[in-house]
C-alpha atoms as a PDB file:
ATOM      1  CA  UNK A   1       6.146 -34.456  -3.413  1.00  0.00           C
ATOM      2  CA  UNK A   2       7.173 -31.431  -1.497  1.00  0.00           C
ATOM      3  CA  UNK A   3       9.728 -28.868  -2.522  1.00  0.00           C
ATOM      4  CA  UNK A   4      13.280 -30.025  -1.805  1.00  0.00           C
ATOM      5  CA  UNK A   5      14.949 -27.909   0.843  1.00  0.00           C
ATOM      6  CA  UNK A   6      17.818 -25.577  -0.005  1.00  0.00           C
ATOM      7  CA  UNK A   7      21.167 -26.971   0.852  1.00  0.00           C
ATOM      8  CA  UNK A   8      23.711 -24.627   3.023  1.00  0.00           C
ATOM      9  CA  UNK A   9      25.834 -24.537  -0.148  1.00  0.00           C
ATOM     10  CA  UNK A  10      22.874 -23.117  -2.235  1.00  0.00           C
ATOM     11  CA  UNK A  11      22.086 -20.739   0.509  1.00  0.00           C
ATOM     12  CA  UNK A  12      25.457 -19.440   0.463  1.00  0.00           C
ATOM     13  CA  UNK A  13      25.616 -19.120  -3.392  1.00  0.00           C
ATOM     14  CA  UNK A  14      22.335 -17.053  -3.308  1.00  0.00           C
ATOM     15  CA  UNK A  15      23.721 -14.695  -0.733  1.00  0.00           C
ATOM     16  CA  UNK A  16      26.927 -14.547  -2.460  1.00  0.00           C
ATOM     17  CA  UNK A  17      25.307 -13.729  -5.934  1.00  0.00           C
ATOM     18  CA  UNK A  18      23.311 -10.913  -4.138  1.00  0.00           C
ATOM     19  CA  UNK A  19      26.303  -9.453  -2.655  1.00  0.00           C
ATOM     20  CA  UNK A  20      28.061  -9.126  -5.997  1.00  0.00           C
ATOM     21  CA  UNK A  21      25.204  -7.232  -7.517  1.00  0.00           C
ATOM     22  CA  UNK A  22      23.007  -9.834  -8.979  1.00  0.00           C
ATOM     23  CA  UNK A  23      19.408  -9.299  -9.762  1.00  0.00           C
ATOM     24  CA  UNK A  24      16.580 -11.539  -8.440  1.00  0.00           C
ATOM     25  CA  UNK A  25      16.049 -12.703 -12.055  1.00  0.00           C
ATOM     26  CA  UNK A  26      19.667 -13.327 -12.547  1.00  0.00           C
ATOM     27  CA  UNK A  27      19.784 -15.243  -9.282  1.00  0.00           C
ATOM     28  CA  UNK A  28      16.797 -17.254 -10.328  1.00  0.00           C
ATOM     29  CA  UNK A  29      18.340 -18.251 -13.833  1.00  0.00           C
ATOM     30  CA  UNK A  30      21.632 -19.349 -12.122  1.00  0.00           C
ATOM     31  CA  UNK A  31      20.281 -21.461  -9.195  1.00  0.00           C
ATOM     32  CA  UNK A  32      16.792 -22.403 -10.709  1.00  0.00           C
ATOM     33  CA  UNK A  33      14.742 -21.696  -7.354  1.00  0.00           C
ATOM     34  CA  UNK A  34      11.535 -19.855  -7.119  1.00  0.00           C
ATOM     35  CA  UNK A  35      11.412 -16.092  -6.487  1.00  0.00           C
ATOM     36  CA  UNK A  36       9.949 -16.286  -3.073  1.00  0.00           C
ATOM     37  CA  UNK A  37      12.518 -18.768  -1.848  1.00  0.00           C
ATOM     38  CA  UNK A  38      15.422 -16.523  -3.248  1.00  0.00           C
ATOM     39  CA  UNK A  39      13.921 -13.291  -2.016  1.00  0.00           C
ATOM     40  CA  UNK A  40      13.729 -14.756   1.586  1.00  0.00           C
ATOM     41  CA  UNK A  41      17.454 -15.352   1.533  1.00  0.00           C
ATOM     42  CA  UNK A  42      18.540 -12.070  -0.240  1.00  0.00           C
ATOM     43  CA  UNK A  43      16.383  -9.877   1.840  1.00  0.00           C
ATOM     44  CA  UNK A  44      18.605  -7.446   3.656  1.00  0.00           C
ATOM     45  CA  UNK A  45      21.695  -8.499   2.038  1.00  0.00           C
ATOM     46  CA  UNK A  46      23.951  -5.685   1.372  1.00  0.00           C
ATOM     47  CA  UNK A  47      25.681  -5.408  -2.141  1.00  0.00           C
ATOM     48  CA  UNK A  48      29.435  -5.050  -1.626  1.00  0.00           C
ATOM     49  CA  UNK A  49      31.191  -1.763  -2.250  1.00  0.00           C
ATOM     50  CA  UNK A  50      33.138  -2.954  -5.476  1.00  0.00           C
ATOM     51  CA  UNK A  51      29.760  -4.121  -7.018  1.00  0.00           C
ATOM     52  CA  UNK A  52      27.735  -1.005  -6.012  1.00  0.00           C
ATOM     53  CA  UNK A  53      28.179   0.951  -9.128  1.00  0.00           C
ATOM     54  CA  UNK A  54      27.087  -2.087 -11.385  1.00  0.00           C
ATOM     55  CA  UNK A  55      24.033  -2.596  -9.073  1.00  0.00           C
ATOM     56  CA  UNK A  56      23.041   1.098  -9.504  1.00  0.00           C
ATOM     57  CA  UNK A  57      23.132   0.672 -13.199  1.00  0.00           C
ATOM     58  CA  UNK A  58      20.964  -2.380 -13.214  1.00  0.00           C
ATOM     59  CA  UNK A  59      18.442  -0.561 -10.936  1.00  0.00           C
ATOM     60  CA  UNK A  60      18.490   2.364 -13.099  1.00  0.00           C
ATOM     61  CA  UNK A  61      17.737   0.202 -16.045  1.00  0.00           C
ATOM     62  CA  UNK A  62      14.811  -1.467 -14.093  1.00  0.00           C
ATOM     63  CA  UNK A  63      13.395   2.128 -13.337  1.00  0.00           C
ATOM     64  CA  UNK A  64      13.627   3.133 -17.228  1.00  0.00           C
ATOM     65  CA  UNK A  65      11.904  -0.135 -18.022  1.00  0.00           C
ATOM     66  CA  UNK A  66       9.027   0.455 -15.408  1.00  0.00           C
ATOM     67  CA  UNK A  67       8.634   4.243 -16.825  1.00  0.00           C
ATOM     68  CA  UNK A  68       8.590   2.980 -20.522  1.00  0.00           C
ATOM     69  CA  UNK A  69       5.891   0.396 -19.610  1.00  0.00           C
ATOM     70  CA  UNK A  70       3.869   3.032 -17.913  1.00  0.00           C
ATOM     71  CA  UNK A  71       4.007   5.290 -21.015  1.00  0.00           C
ATOM     72  CA  UNK A  72       2.981   2.491 -23.251  1.00  0.00           C
ATOM     73  CA  UNK A  73       0.226   1.676 -20.891  1.00  0.00           C
ATOM     74  CA  UNK A  74      -1.003   5.347 -20.812  1.00  0.00           C
ATOM     75  CA  UNK A  75      -0.969   5.387 -24.635  1.00  0.00           C
ATOM     76  CA  UNK A  76      -3.019   2.050 -24.888  1.00  0.00           C
ATOM     77  CA  UNK A  77      -5.437   3.156 -22.304  1.00  0.00           C
ATOM     78  CA  UNK A  78      -5.894   6.574 -24.144  1.00  0.00           C
ATOM     79  CA  UNK A  79      -6.561   4.617 -27.170  1.00  0.00           C
ATOM     80  CA  UNK A  80      -9.089   2.199 -25.616  1.00  0.00           C
ATOM     81  CA  UNK A  81     -11.022   4.865 -23.722  1.00  0.00           C
ATOM     82  CA  UNK A  82     -11.299   7.140 -26.811  1.00  0.00           C
ATOM     83  CA  UNK A  83     -14.259   9.703 -26.946  1.00  0.00           C
ATOM     84  CA  UNK A  84     -15.995   9.485 -23.385  1.00  0.00           C
ATOM     85  CA  UNK A  85     -19.672  10.073 -24.243  1.00  0.00           C
ATOM     86  CA  UNK A  86     -22.885   9.685 -22.207  1.00  0.00           C
ATOM     87  CA  UNK A  87     -22.978   5.829 -22.713  1.00  0.00           C
ATOM     88  CA  UNK A  88     -19.487   5.294 -21.493  1.00  0.00           C
ATOM     89  CA  UNK A  89     -20.133   7.624 -18.408  1.00  0.00           C
ATOM     90  CA  UNK A  90     -23.327   5.635 -17.472  1.00  0.00           C
ATOM     91  CA  UNK A  91     -21.372   2.421 -17.804  1.00  0.00           C
ATOM     92  CA  UNK A  92     -18.930   3.945 -15.402  1.00  0.00           C
ATOM     93  CA  UNK A  93     -21.605   5.079 -13.029  1.00  0.00           C
ATOM     94  CA  UNK A  94     -23.173   1.499 -12.912  1.00  0.00           C
ATOM     95  CA  UNK A  95     -19.906  -0.169 -12.361  1.00  0.00           C
ATOM     96  CA  UNK A  96     -18.973   2.224  -9.672  1.00  0.00           C
ATOM     97  CA  UNK A  97     -22.225   1.835  -8.037  1.00  0.00           C
ATOM     98  CA  UNK A  98     -22.241  -2.012  -8.493  1.00  0.00           C
ATOM     99  CA  UNK A  99     -18.974  -2.059  -6.397  1.00  0.00           C
ATOM    100  CA  UNK A 100     -19.779   0.590  -3.932  1.00  0.00           C
ATOM    101  CA  UNK A 101     -23.644   1.394  -3.868  1.00  0.00           C
ATOM    102  CA  UNK A 102     -26.579   0.061  -1.736  1.00  0.00           C
ATOM    103  CA  UNK A 103     -28.515  -2.307  -3.552  1.00  0.00           C
ATOM    104  CA  UNK A 104     -32.029  -1.404  -2.149  1.00  0.00           C
ATOM    105  CA  UNK A 105     -31.927   2.235  -2.794  1.00  0.00           C
ATOM    106  CA  UNK A 106     -29.482   4.813  -4.189  1.00  0.00           C
ATOM    107  CA  UNK A 107     -27.174   5.325  -1.562  1.00  0.00           C
ATOM    108  CA  UNK A 108     -23.355   5.333  -1.880  1.00  0.00           C
ATOM    109  CA  UNK A 109     -20.522   6.195   0.652  1.00  0.00           C
ATOM    110  CA  UNK A 110     -16.977   6.236   0.129  1.00  0.00           C
ATOM    111  CA  UNK A 111     -13.885   8.145   1.387  1.00  0.00           C
ATOM    112  CA  UNK A 112     -12.286   8.507  -1.998  1.00  0.00           C
ATOM    113  CA  UNK A 113     -13.081  12.003  -3.215  1.00  0.00           C
ATOM    114  CA  UNK A 114     -12.350  11.440  -6.975  1.00  0.00           C
ATOM    115  CA  UNK A 115     -14.733   8.502  -6.844  1.00  0.00           C
ATOM    116  CA  UNK A 116     -17.538  10.425  -5.215  1.00  0.00           C
ATOM    117  CA  UNK A 117     -16.848  13.322  -7.696  1.00  0.00           C
ATOM    118  CA  UNK A 118     -17.186  11.090 -10.620  1.00  0.00           C
ATOM    119  CA  UNK A 119     -20.441   9.572  -9.436  1.00  0.00           C
ATOM    120  CA  UNK A 120     -21.912  13.199  -8.742  1.00  0.00           C
ATOM    121  CA  UNK A 121     -20.581  14.243 -12.270  1.00  0.00           C
ATOM    122  CA  UNK A 122     -22.276  11.096 -13.861  1.00  0.00           C
ATOM    123  CA  UNK A 123     -25.529  11.698 -11.951  1.00  0.00           C
ATOM    124  CA  UNK A 124     -25.692  15.156 -13.321  1.00  0.00           C
ATOM    125  CA  UNK A 125     -25.213  13.795 -16.839  1.00  0.00           C
ATOM    126  CA  UNK A 126     -28.093  11.373 -16.271  1.00  0.00           C
ATOM    127  CA  UNK A 127     -30.175  14.471 -15.447  1.00  0.00           C
ATOM    128  CA  UNK A 128     -30.269  14.694 -11.699  1.00  0.00           C
ATOM    129  CA  UNK A 129     -30.002  18.137 -10.505  1.00  0.00           C
ATOM    130  CA  UNK A 130     -27.886  19.477  -7.798  1.00  0.00           C
ATOM    131  CA  UNK A 131     -30.884  20.058  -5.520  1.00  0.00           C
ATOM    132  CA  UNK A 132     -31.762  16.425  -5.808  1.00  0.00           C
ATOM    133  CA  UNK A 133     -28.180  15.274  -4.687  1.00  0.00           C
ATOM    134  CA  UNK A 134     -28.194  14.928  -0.926  1.00  0.00           C
ATOM    135  CA  UNK A 135     -24.653  14.839   0.648  1.00  0.00           C
ATOM    136  CA  UNK A 136     -23.913  13.614   4.337  1.00  0.00           C
ATOM    137  CA  UNK A 137     -20.696  12.761   6.041  1.00  0.00           C
ATOM    138  CA  UNK A 138     -19.576   9.885   8.246  1.00  0.00           C
ATOM    139  CA  UNK A 139     -16.824  11.164  10.530  1.00  0.00           C
ATOM    140  CA  UNK A 140     -14.737   9.864  13.397  1.00  0.00           C
ATOM    141  CA  UNK A 141     -15.304  11.530  16.561  1.00  0.00           C
ATOM    142  CA  UNK A 142     -11.862  13.459  16.451  1.00  0.00           C
ATOM    143  CA  UNK A 143     -12.364  14.773  12.911  1.00  0.00           C
ATOM    144  CA  UNK A 144     -13.553  18.320  12.898  1.00  0.00           C
ATOM    145  CA  UNK A 145     -16.833  19.127  11.021  1.00  0.00           C
ATOM    146  CA  UNK A 146     -15.741  22.401   9.816  1.00  0.00           C
ATOM    147  CA  UNK A 147     -12.523  20.965   8.204  1.00  0.00           C
ATOM    148  CA  UNK A 148     -14.333  17.894   6.705  1.00  0.00           C
ATOM    149  CA  UNK A 149     -17.368  20.103   5.272  1.00  0.00           C
ATOM    150  CA  UNK A 150     -14.924  22.510   3.855  1.00  0.00           C
ATOM    151  CA  UNK A 151     -12.835  19.663   2.192  1.00  0.00           C
ATOM    152  CA  UNK A 152     -15.757  17.871   0.556  1.00  0.00           C
ATOM    153  CA  UNK A 153     -17.682  21.036  -0.523  1.00  0.00           C
ATOM    154  CA  UNK A 154     -14.608  22.120  -2.432  1.00  0.00           C
ATOM    155  CA  UNK A 155     -13.934  18.465  -3.719  1.00  0.00           C
ATOM    156  CA  UNK A 156     -17.541  18.248  -5.077  1.00  0.00           C
ATOM    157  CA  UNK A 157     -18.133  21.936  -5.992  1.00  0.00           C
ATOM    158  CA  UNK A 158     -21.111  22.012  -3.680  1.00  0.00           C
ATOM    159  CA  UNK A 159     -22.570  25.371  -2.572  1.00  0.00           C
ATOM    160  CA  UNK A 160     -21.687  26.452   1.060  1.00  0.00           C
ATOM    161  CA  UNK A 161     -23.756  24.957   3.800  1.00  0.00           C
ATOM    162  CA  UNK A 162     -25.054  22.230   1.777  1.00  0.00           C
ATOM    163  CA  UNK A 163     -23.750  19.473   3.922  1.00  0.00           C
ATOM    164  CA  UNK A 164     -25.685  19.493   7.278  1.00  0.00           C
ATOM    165  CA  UNK A 165     -26.136  15.924   8.163  1.00  0.00           C
ATOM    166  CA  UNK A 166     -23.392  13.862   9.912  1.00  0.00           C
ATOM    167  CA  UNK A 167     -22.724  10.416  11.235  1.00  0.00           C
ATOM    168  CA  UNK A 168     -20.334  10.548  13.968  1.00  0.00           C
ATOM    169  CA  UNK A 169     -18.331   7.146  14.882  1.00  0.00           C
ATOM    170  CA  UNK A 170     -16.551   6.993  18.245  1.00  0.00           C
ATOM    171  CA  UNK A 171     -12.789   6.414  17.780  1.00  0.00           C
ATOM    172  CA  UNK A 172      -9.657   8.233  16.137  1.00  0.00           C
ATOM    173  CA  UNK A 173      -8.923   8.825  12.577  1.00  0.00           C
ATOM    174  CA  UNK A 174      -5.267   7.806  13.082  1.00  0.00           C
ATOM    175  CA  UNK A 175      -4.273   5.486  10.221  1.00  0.00           C
ATOM    176  CA  UNK A 176      -7.974   6.032   8.761  1.00  0.00           C
ATOM    177  CA  UNK A 177      -9.523   8.688   6.508  1.00  0.00           C
ATOM    178  CA  UNK A 178      -8.568  12.111   7.216  1.00  0.00           C
ATOM    179  CA  UNK A 179     -11.785  13.651   6.141  1.00  0.00           C
ATOM    180  CA  UNK A 180     -14.094  10.735   6.930  1.00  0.00           C
ATOM    181  CA  UNK A 181     -16.599   9.200   4.239  1.00  0.00           C
ATOM    182  CA  UNK A 182     -19.061  11.088   2.049  1.00  0.00           C
ATOM    183  CA  UNK A 183     -22.470   9.643   1.454  1.00  0.00           C
ATOM    184  CA  UNK A 184     -24.506  10.555  -1.712  1.00  0.00           C
ATOM    185  CA  UNK A 185     -28.312   9.968  -1.968  1.00  0.00           C
ATOM    186  CA  UNK A 186     -30.971  11.163  -4.424  1.00  0.00           C
ATOM    187  CA  UNK A 187     -34.141  12.914  -3.336  1.00  0.00           C
ATOM    188  CA  UNK A 188     -36.937  10.776  -4.677  1.00  0.00           C
ATOM    189  CA  UNK A 189     -34.180   8.773  -6.706  1.00  0.00           C
ATOM    190  CA  UNK A 190     -36.217   5.667  -7.330  1.00  0.00           C
ATOM    191  CA  UNK A 191     -36.421   5.799 -11.146  1.00  0.00           C
ATOM    192  CA  UNK A 192     -32.757   6.641 -11.428  1.00  0.00           C
ATOM    193  CA  UNK A 193     -31.972   3.821  -8.995  1.00  0.00           C
ATOM    194  CA  UNK A 194     -33.799   1.397 -11.089  1.00  0.00           C
ATOM    195  CA  UNK A 195     -32.186   2.552 -14.299  1.00  0.00           C
ATOM    196  CA  UNK A 196     -28.699   1.988 -12.733  1.00  0.00           C
ATOM    197  CA  UNK A 197     -29.541  -1.408 -11.346  1.00  0.00           C
ATOM    198  CA  UNK A 198     -31.013  -2.466 -14.628  1.00  0.00           C
ATOM    199  CA  UNK A 199     -27.712  -1.519 -16.284  1.00  0.00           C
ATOM    200  CA  UNK A 200     -25.760  -3.580 -13.806  1.00  0.00           C
ATOM    201  CA  UNK A 201     -28.091  -6.509 -14.694  1.00  0.00           C
ATOM    202  CA  UNK A 202     -27.345  -6.097 -18.506  1.00  0.00           C
ATOM    203  CA  UNK A 203     -23.684  -5.919 -17.907  1.00  0.00           C
ATOM    204  CA  UNK A 204     -23.745  -9.105 -15.701  1.00  0.00           C
ATOM    205  CA  UNK A 205     -25.598 -10.831 -18.781  1.00  0.00           C
ATOM    206  CA  UNK A 206     -23.280  -9.339 -21.506  1.00  0.00           C
ATOM    207  CA  UNK A 207     -19.812  -9.930 -19.847  1.00  0.00           C
END
């Protein structure tokens, strides 16, 4: 059986409740309708001036609740992560590579500098030297090479002129990645690739 449509009286009630400063949860408890249905009718409805102060207090309470939840989440995350040794870093490397890396050879590309920086750092923990790590950039045609190279060199703490290879994509960066995407390879990285893929296989079996 499909959902029963709202009557005009129900719609009027929902809008009226919103105008008098009722929250989404409060309206739901009163009219016993789904969040999506209620939101469709309260979207854009302005709170009446005489109820604005009450509404601001409620919104402030929601922000405080969200802030408290973030603080609790960070405390719990800190306890869960604990000491971050080699084993944990290799698991992070394997999971990041599982999601982002090429499955035939060590080759990973992404536009998030923090993600790439973590991968490079974990590779060094694995015993890969900076000389073995090869970095290239994929850029839209309107992104300046010098600006992109300076950005990625700084983000990854690379020596000057270490990025010399580029893949240029025709098109504009508007709405896309400001500094393009960074690709990381390992020179003669077969053994490292096999280790990471083996760890991924074990994670599949154990989870």
